[in-house]
PDB file of N, CA and C in Angstrom:
ATOM      1  N   UNK A   1       0.670  -1.085   0.236  1.00  0.00           N
ATOM      2  CA  UNK A   1      -0.035   0.235  -0.095  1.00  0.00           C
ATOM      3  C   UNK A   1       0.664   1.139  -0.476  1.00  0.00           C
ATOM      4  N   UNK A   2       2.503   1.334   0.459  1.00  0.00           N
ATOM      5  CA  UNK A   2       2.868   2.157   0.518  1.00  0.00           C
ATOM      6  C   UNK A   2       3.248   3.215  -1.103  1.00  0.00           C
ATOM      7  N   UNK A   3       2.968   2.212  -1.934  1.00  0.00           N
ATOM      8  CA  UNK A   3       3.092   2.868  -3.555  1.00  0.00           C
ATOM      9  C   UNK A   3       2.138   3.213  -4.103  1.00  0.00           C
ATOM     10  N   UNK A   4       1.279   3.209  -3.190  1.00  0.00           N
ATOM     11  CA  UNK A   4      -0.265   3.927  -3.756  1.00  0.00           C
ATOM     12  C   UNK A   4      -0.375   5.302  -3.002  1.00  0.00           C
ATOM     13  N   UNK A   5      -1.411   6.105  -3.748  1.00  0.00           N
ATOM     14  CA  UNK A   5      -1.789   7.260  -2.917  1.00  0.00           C
ATOM     15  C   UNK A   5      -2.983   6.740  -1.734  1.00  0.00           C
ATOM     16  N   UNK A   6      -2.815   7.361  -0.728  1.00  0.00           N
ATOM     17  CA  UNK A   6      -3.678   6.915   0.455  1.00  0.00           C
ATOM     18  C   UNK A   6      -4.986   6.989   0.240  1.00  0.00           C
ATOM     19  N   UNK A   7      -5.837   6.660   0.215  1.00  0.00           N
ATOM     20  CA  UNK A   7      -7.345   6.789   0.121  1.00  0.00           C
ATOM     21  C   UNK A   7      -7.858   6.071   1.319  1.00  0.00           C
ATOM     22  N   UNK A   8      -8.466   7.284   1.864  1.00  0.00           N
ATOM     23  CA  UNK A   8      -9.153   6.716   2.830  1.00  0.00           C
ATOM     24  C   UNK A   8     -10.657   5.766   3.023  1.00  0.00           C
ATOM     25  N   UNK A   9     -11.263   5.820   2.196  1.00  0.00           N
ATOM     26  CA  UNK A   9     -12.578   5.143   1.955  1.00  0.00           C
ATOM     27  C   UNK A   9     -11.874   3.612   1.411  1.00  0.00           C
ATOM     28  N   UNK A  10     -11.068   3.459   0.702  1.00  0.00           N
ATOM     29  CA  UNK A  10     -10.342   2.137   0.419  1.00  0.00           C
ATOM     30  C   UNK A  10      -9.855   1.119   1.689  1.00  0.00           C
ATOM     31  N   UNK A  11      -9.264   2.455   2.547  1.00  0.00           N
ATOM     32  CA  UNK A  11      -8.665   1.953   3.239  1.00  0.00           C
ATOM     33  C   UNK A  11      -9.732   1.157   4.425  1.00  0.00           C
ATOM     34  N   UNK A  12     -10.533   2.185   4.893  1.00  0.00           N
ATOM     35  CA  UNK A  12     -11.871   1.636   5.779  1.00  0.00           C
ATOM     36  C   UNK A  12     -12.674   0.400   5.180  1.00  0.00           C
ATOM     37  N   UNK A  13     -12.588   0.072   3.777  1.00  0.00           N
ATOM     38  CA  UNK A  13     -13.562  -1.184   3.490  1.00  0.00           C
ATOM     39  C   UNK A  13     -12.896  -2.271   3.149  1.00  0.00           C
ATOM     40  N   UNK A  14     -10.914  -2.037   3.062  1.00  0.00           N
ATOM     41  CA  UNK A  14     -10.119  -3.168   3.294  1.00  0.00           C
ATOM     42  C   UNK A  14     -10.602  -3.333   4.761  1.00  0.00           C
ATOM     43  N   UNK A  15     -10.164  -2.538   5.913  1.00  0.00           N
ATOM     44  CA  UNK A  15     -10.073  -3.175   7.414  1.00  0.00           C
ATOM     45  C   UNK A  15     -11.059  -3.817   7.502  1.00  0.00           C
ATOM     46  N   UNK A  16     -12.361  -2.974   7.209  1.00  0.00           N
ATOM     47  CA  UNK A  16     -13.994  -3.660   7.122  1.00  0.00           C
ATOM     48  C   UNK A  16     -13.753  -4.925   6.600  1.00  0.00           C
ATOM     49  N   UNK A  17     -13.208  -5.374   5.382  1.00  0.00           N
ATOM     50  CA  UNK A  17     -13.583  -6.756   4.696  1.00  0.00           C
ATOM     51  C   UNK A  17     -12.578  -7.853   5.541  1.00  0.00           C
ATOM     52  N   UNK A  18     -11.271  -7.232   6.382  1.00  0.00           N
ATOM     53  CA  UNK A  18     -10.390  -8.112   7.013  1.00  0.00           C
ATOM     54  C   UNK A  18     -11.093  -8.322   8.154  1.00  0.00           C
ATOM     55  N   UNK A  19     -11.698  -7.592   8.854  1.00  0.00           N
ATOM     56  CA  UNK A  19     -12.763  -7.655  10.218  1.00  0.00           C
ATOM     57  C   UNK A  19     -13.986  -8.994  10.059  1.00  0.00           C
ATOM     58  N   UNK A  20     -14.521  -8.724   8.863  1.00  0.00           N
ATOM     59  CA  UNK A  20     -15.863  -9.508   8.693  1.00  0.00           C
ATOM     60  C   UNK A  20     -14.911 -10.787   8.297  1.00  0.00           C
ATOM     61  N   UNK A  21     -13.920 -10.826   7.436  1.00  0.00           N
ATOM     62  CA  UNK A  21     -13.218 -12.072   7.371  1.00  0.00           C
ATOM     63  C   UNK A  21     -13.079 -12.937   8.678  1.00  0.00           C
ATOM     64  N   UNK A  22     -12.352 -12.048   9.576  1.00  0.00           N
ATOM     65  CA  UNK A  22     -12.366 -12.615  10.676  1.00  0.00           C
ATOM     66  C   UNK A  22     -13.463 -13.106  12.125  1.00  0.00           C
ATOM     67  N   UNK A  23     -14.175 -12.418  11.866  1.00  0.00           N
ATOM     68  CA  UNK A  23     -15.225 -12.900  12.360  1.00  0.00           C
ATOM     69  C   UNK A  23     -15.980 -14.144  11.879  1.00  0.00           C
ATOM     70  N   UNK A  24     -16.108 -14.455  10.111  1.00  0.00           N
ATOM     71  CA  UNK A  24     -16.687 -15.705   9.875  1.00  0.00           C
ATOM     72  C   UNK A  24     -15.593 -16.704   9.926  1.00  0.00           C
ATOM     73  N   UNK A  25     -14.177 -16.463  10.401  1.00  0.00           N
ATOM     74  CA  UNK A  25     -13.174 -17.439  10.536  1.00  0.00           C
ATOM     75  C   UNK A  25     -12.762 -17.944   9.189  1.00  0.00           C
ATOM     76  N   UNK A  26     -12.699 -16.869   8.033  1.00  0.00           N
ATOM     77  CA  UNK A  26     -12.163 -17.069   6.948  1.00  0.00           C
ATOM     78  C   UNK A  26     -10.582 -17.639   6.911  1.00  0.00           C
ATOM     79  N   UNK A  27     -10.066 -17.105   7.886  1.00  0.00           N
ATOM     80  CA  UNK A  27      -8.214 -17.163   8.091  1.00  0.00           C
ATOM     81  C   UNK A  27      -8.324 -19.202   8.228  1.00  0.00           C
ATOM     82  N   UNK A  28      -7.309 -19.355   7.537  1.00  0.00           N
ATOM     83  CA  UNK A  28      -7.238 -20.970   7.846  1.00  0.00           C
ATOM     84  C   UNK A  28      -5.950 -21.298   8.913  1.00  0.00           C
ATOM     85  N   UNK A  29      -5.283 -20.213   9.376  1.00  0.00           N
ATOM     86  CA  UNK A  29      -4.125 -20.312  10.560  1.00  0.00           C
ATOM     87  C   UNK A  29      -4.204 -19.119  11.346  1.00  0.00           C
ATOM     88  N   UNK A  30      -4.091 -19.352  12.406  1.00  0.00           N
ATOM     89  CA  UNK A  30      -3.562 -18.406  13.638  1.00  0.00           C
ATOM     90  C   UNK A  30      -2.716 -17.353  12.717  1.00  0.00           C
ATOM     91  N   UNK A  31      -1.404 -17.957  12.480  1.00  0.00           N
ATOM     92  CA  UNK A  31      -0.254 -17.017  11.723  1.00  0.00           C
ATOM     93  C   UNK A  31      -1.097 -16.012  10.861  1.00  0.00           C
ATOM     94  N   UNK A  32      -2.019 -16.378   9.625  1.00  0.00           N
ATOM     95  CA  UNK A  32      -2.650 -15.759   9.130  1.00  0.00           C
ATOM     96  C   UNK A  32      -3.654 -14.626   9.863  1.00  0.00           C
ATOM     97  N   UNK A  33      -4.608 -15.109  10.769  1.00  0.00           N
ATOM     98  CA  UNK A  33      -5.482 -14.040  11.426  1.00  0.00           C
ATOM     99  C   UNK A  33      -4.198 -13.159  12.007  1.00  0.00           C
ATOM    100  N   UNK A  34      -3.154 -13.436  12.572  1.00  0.00           N
ATOM    101  CA  UNK A  34      -2.528 -12.429  13.407  1.00  0.00           C
ATOM    102  C   UNK A  34      -2.054 -11.195  12.183  1.00  0.00           C
ATOM    103  N   UNK A  35      -1.658 -11.623  11.076  1.00  0.00           N
ATOM    104  CA  UNK A  35      -1.248 -11.273   9.870  1.00  0.00           C
ATOM    105  C   UNK A  35      -2.235 -10.261   9.454  1.00  0.00           C
ATOM    106  N   UNK A  36      -3.613 -10.550   9.437  1.00  0.00           N
ATOM    107  CA  UNK A  36      -4.865  -9.782   9.058  1.00  0.00           C
ATOM    108  C   UNK A  36      -5.184  -9.105  10.193  1.00  0.00           C
ATOM    109  N   UNK A  37      -5.052  -9.223  11.240  1.00  0.00           N
ATOM    110  CA  UNK A  37      -5.342  -7.958  12.474  1.00  0.00           C
ATOM    111  C   UNK A  37      -4.475  -6.825  12.004  1.00  0.00           C
ATOM    112  N   UNK A  38      -2.795  -7.513  11.847  1.00  0.00           N
ATOM    113  CA  UNK A  38      -1.999  -6.427  12.029  1.00  0.00           C
ATOM    114  C   UNK A  38      -2.202  -5.287  10.771  1.00  0.00           C
ATOM    115  N   UNK A  39      -2.567  -5.568   9.470  1.00  0.00           N
ATOM    116  CA  UNK A  39      -3.282  -4.983   8.236  1.00  0.00           C
ATOM    117  C   UNK A  39      -3.968  -4.444   8.824  1.00  0.00           C
ATOM    118  N   UNK A  40      -5.324  -5.135   9.451  1.00  0.00           N
ATOM    119  CA  UNK A  40      -6.515  -3.899   9.749  1.00  0.00           C
ATOM    120  C   UNK A  40      -5.935  -2.471  10.754  1.00  0.00           C
ATOM    121  N   UNK A  41      -5.351  -3.640  11.997  1.00  0.00           N
ATOM    122  CA  UNK A  41      -4.853  -2.293  12.600  1.00  0.00           C
ATOM    123  C   UNK A  41      -3.872  -1.108  12.016  1.00  0.00           C
ATOM    124  N   UNK A  42      -3.265  -1.622  11.019  1.00  0.00           N
ATOM    125  CA  UNK A  42      -2.132  -0.396  10.483  1.00  0.00           C
ATOM    126  C   UNK A  42      -3.268   0.787   9.626  1.00  0.00           C
ATOM    127  N   UNK A  43      -4.136  -0.007   8.886  1.00  0.00           N
ATOM    128  CA  UNK A  43      -5.059   0.437   8.063  1.00  0.00           C
ATOM    129  C   UNK A  43      -5.781   1.415   9.091  1.00  0.00           C
ATOM    130  N   UNK A  44      -6.435   1.160   9.895  1.00  0.00           N
ATOM    131  CA  UNK A  44      -7.126   2.285  10.726  1.00  0.00           C
ATOM    132  C   UNK A  44      -6.330   3.107  11.643  1.00  0.00           C
ATOM    133  N   UNK A  45      -4.894   2.904  11.751  1.00  0.00           N
ATOM    134  CA  UNK A  45      -4.237   4.095  11.995  1.00  0.00           C
ATOM    135  C   UNK A  45      -3.934   5.144  11.436  1.00  0.00           C
ATOM    136  N   UNK A  46      -3.947   4.838   9.943  1.00  0.00           N
ATOM    137  CA  UNK A  46      -3.747   5.335   8.630  1.00  0.00           C
ATOM    138  C   UNK A  46      -4.799   6.273   8.455  1.00  0.00           C
ATOM    139  N   UNK A  47      -6.143   5.699   9.050  1.00  0.00           N
ATOM    140  CA  UNK A  47      -7.048   6.585   8.783  1.00  0.00           C
ATOM    141  C   UNK A  47      -7.020   7.462   9.704  1.00  0.00           C
ATOM    142  N   UNK A  48      -6.991   7.177  11.334  1.00  0.00           N
ATOM    143  CA  UNK A  48      -7.244   8.288  12.169  1.00  0.00           C
ATOM    144  C   UNK A  48      -6.408   9.416  12.171  1.00  0.00           C
ATOM    145  N   UNK A  49      -5.075   8.848  11.373  1.00  0.00           N
ATOM    146  CA  UNK A  49      -4.212   9.701  11.209  1.00  0.00           C
ATOM    147  C   UNK A  49      -4.326  11.073  10.097  1.00  0.00           C
ATOM    148  N   UNK A  50      -4.992  10.216   9.142  1.00  0.00           N
ATOM    149  CA  UNK A  50      -5.623  11.254   8.019  1.00  0.00           C
ATOM    150  C   UNK A  50      -6.720  12.128   8.531  1.00  0.00           C
ATOM    151  N   UNK A  51      -7.509  11.689   9.306  1.00  0.00           N
ATOM    152  CA  UNK A  51      -8.806  12.462  10.129  1.00  0.00           C
ATOM    153  C   UNK A  51      -8.318  13.427  10.653  1.00  0.00           C
ATOM    154  N   UNK A  52      -6.891  13.405  11.977  1.00  0.00           N
ATOM    155  CA  UNK A  52      -6.543  14.375  12.556  1.00  0.00           C
ATOM    156  C   UNK A  52      -5.835  15.331  11.365  1.00  0.00           C
ATOM    157  N   UNK A  53      -5.394  14.954  10.667  1.00  0.00           N
ATOM    158  CA  UNK A  53      -4.533  15.669   9.570  1.00  0.00           C
ATOM    159  C   UNK A  53      -5.694  16.909   9.233  1.00  0.00           C
ATOM    160  N   UNK A  54      -6.438  16.040   8.922  1.00  0.00           N
ATOM    161  CA  UNK A  54      -8.131  17.145   7.833  1.00  0.00           C
ATOM    162  C   UNK A  54      -8.349  17.923   9.141  1.00  0.00           C
ATOM    163  N   UNK A  55      -8.770  17.300  10.006  1.00  0.00           N
ATOM    164  CA  UNK A  55      -9.190  18.163  11.344  1.00  0.00           C
ATOM    165  C   UNK A  55      -8.181  19.270  11.713  1.00  0.00           C
ATOM    166  N   UNK A  56      -6.984  19.391  11.805  1.00  0.00           N
ATOM    167  CA  UNK A  56      -5.953  20.166  11.906  1.00  0.00           C
ATOM    168  C   UNK A  56      -6.402  21.612  10.597  1.00  0.00           C
ATOM    169  N   UNK A  57      -6.058  20.629   9.656  1.00  0.00           N
ATOM    170  CA  UNK A  57      -6.270  21.758   8.383  1.00  0.00           C
ATOM    171  C   UNK A  57      -7.210  22.541   8.938  1.00  0.00           C
ATOM    172  N   UNK A  58      -8.571  22.254   8.831  1.00  0.00           N
ATOM    173  CA  UNK A  58      -9.635  22.577   8.703  1.00  0.00           C
ATOM    174  C   UNK A  58     -10.102  23.805   9.918  1.00  0.00           C
ATOM    175  N   UNK A  59      -9.478  23.424  10.960  1.00  0.00           N
ATOM    176  CA  UNK A  59      -8.997  24.018  12.500  1.00  0.00           C
ATOM    177  C   UNK A  59      -8.545  25.800  11.811  1.00  0.00           C
ATOM    178  N   UNK A  60      -7.261  25.189  11.133  1.00  0.00           N
ATOM    179  CA  UNK A  60      -6.686  26.478  10.411  1.00  0.00           C
ATOM    180  C   UNK A  60      -7.162  27.355   9.814  1.00  0.00           C
ATOM    181  N   UNK A  61      -7.881  26.833   8.784  1.00  0.00           N
ATOM    182  CA  UNK A  61      -8.671  27.652   7.725  1.00  0.00           C
ATOM    183  C   UNK A  61      -9.551  28.311   8.552  1.00  0.00           C
ATOM    184  N   UNK A  62     -10.440  27.621   9.710  1.00  0.00           N
ATOM    185  CA  UNK A  62     -11.400  28.879  10.190  1.00  0.00           C
ATOM    186  C   UNK A  62     -10.947  29.603  11.255  1.00  0.00           C
ATOM    187  N   UNK A  63      -9.720  29.605  11.308  1.00  0.00           N
ATOM    188  CA  UNK A  63      -9.188  30.318  12.594  1.00  0.00           C
ATOM    189  C   UNK A  63      -8.619  31.415  11.677  1.00  0.00           C
ATOM    190  N   UNK A  64      -8.172  31.563  10.264  1.00  0.00           N
ATOM    191  CA  UNK A  64      -7.977  32.639   9.116  1.00  0.00           C
ATOM    192  C   UNK A  64      -9.214  33.562   8.708  1.00  0.00           C
ATOM    193  N   UNK A  65     -10.403  32.759   9.240  1.00  0.00           N
ATOM    194  CA  UNK A  65     -11.574  34.034   9.301  1.00  0.00           C
ATOM    195  C   UNK A  65     -11.959  34.842  10.238  1.00  0.00           C
TER     196      UNK A  65
END
């Protein structure tokens, strides 16, 4: 994902799909489950960072007025 431009919507969709797979027990091994959890957590952290940065930008814009 590092070579692609960040997409909040795609990241949320992918994390949601991973979580659904985990809930359904689609992973075949414990190692696969752990890797999937790590990927979902990483995606959600990036989304949170993106939201925080966007909020900061909006706050700066509002302060200019």
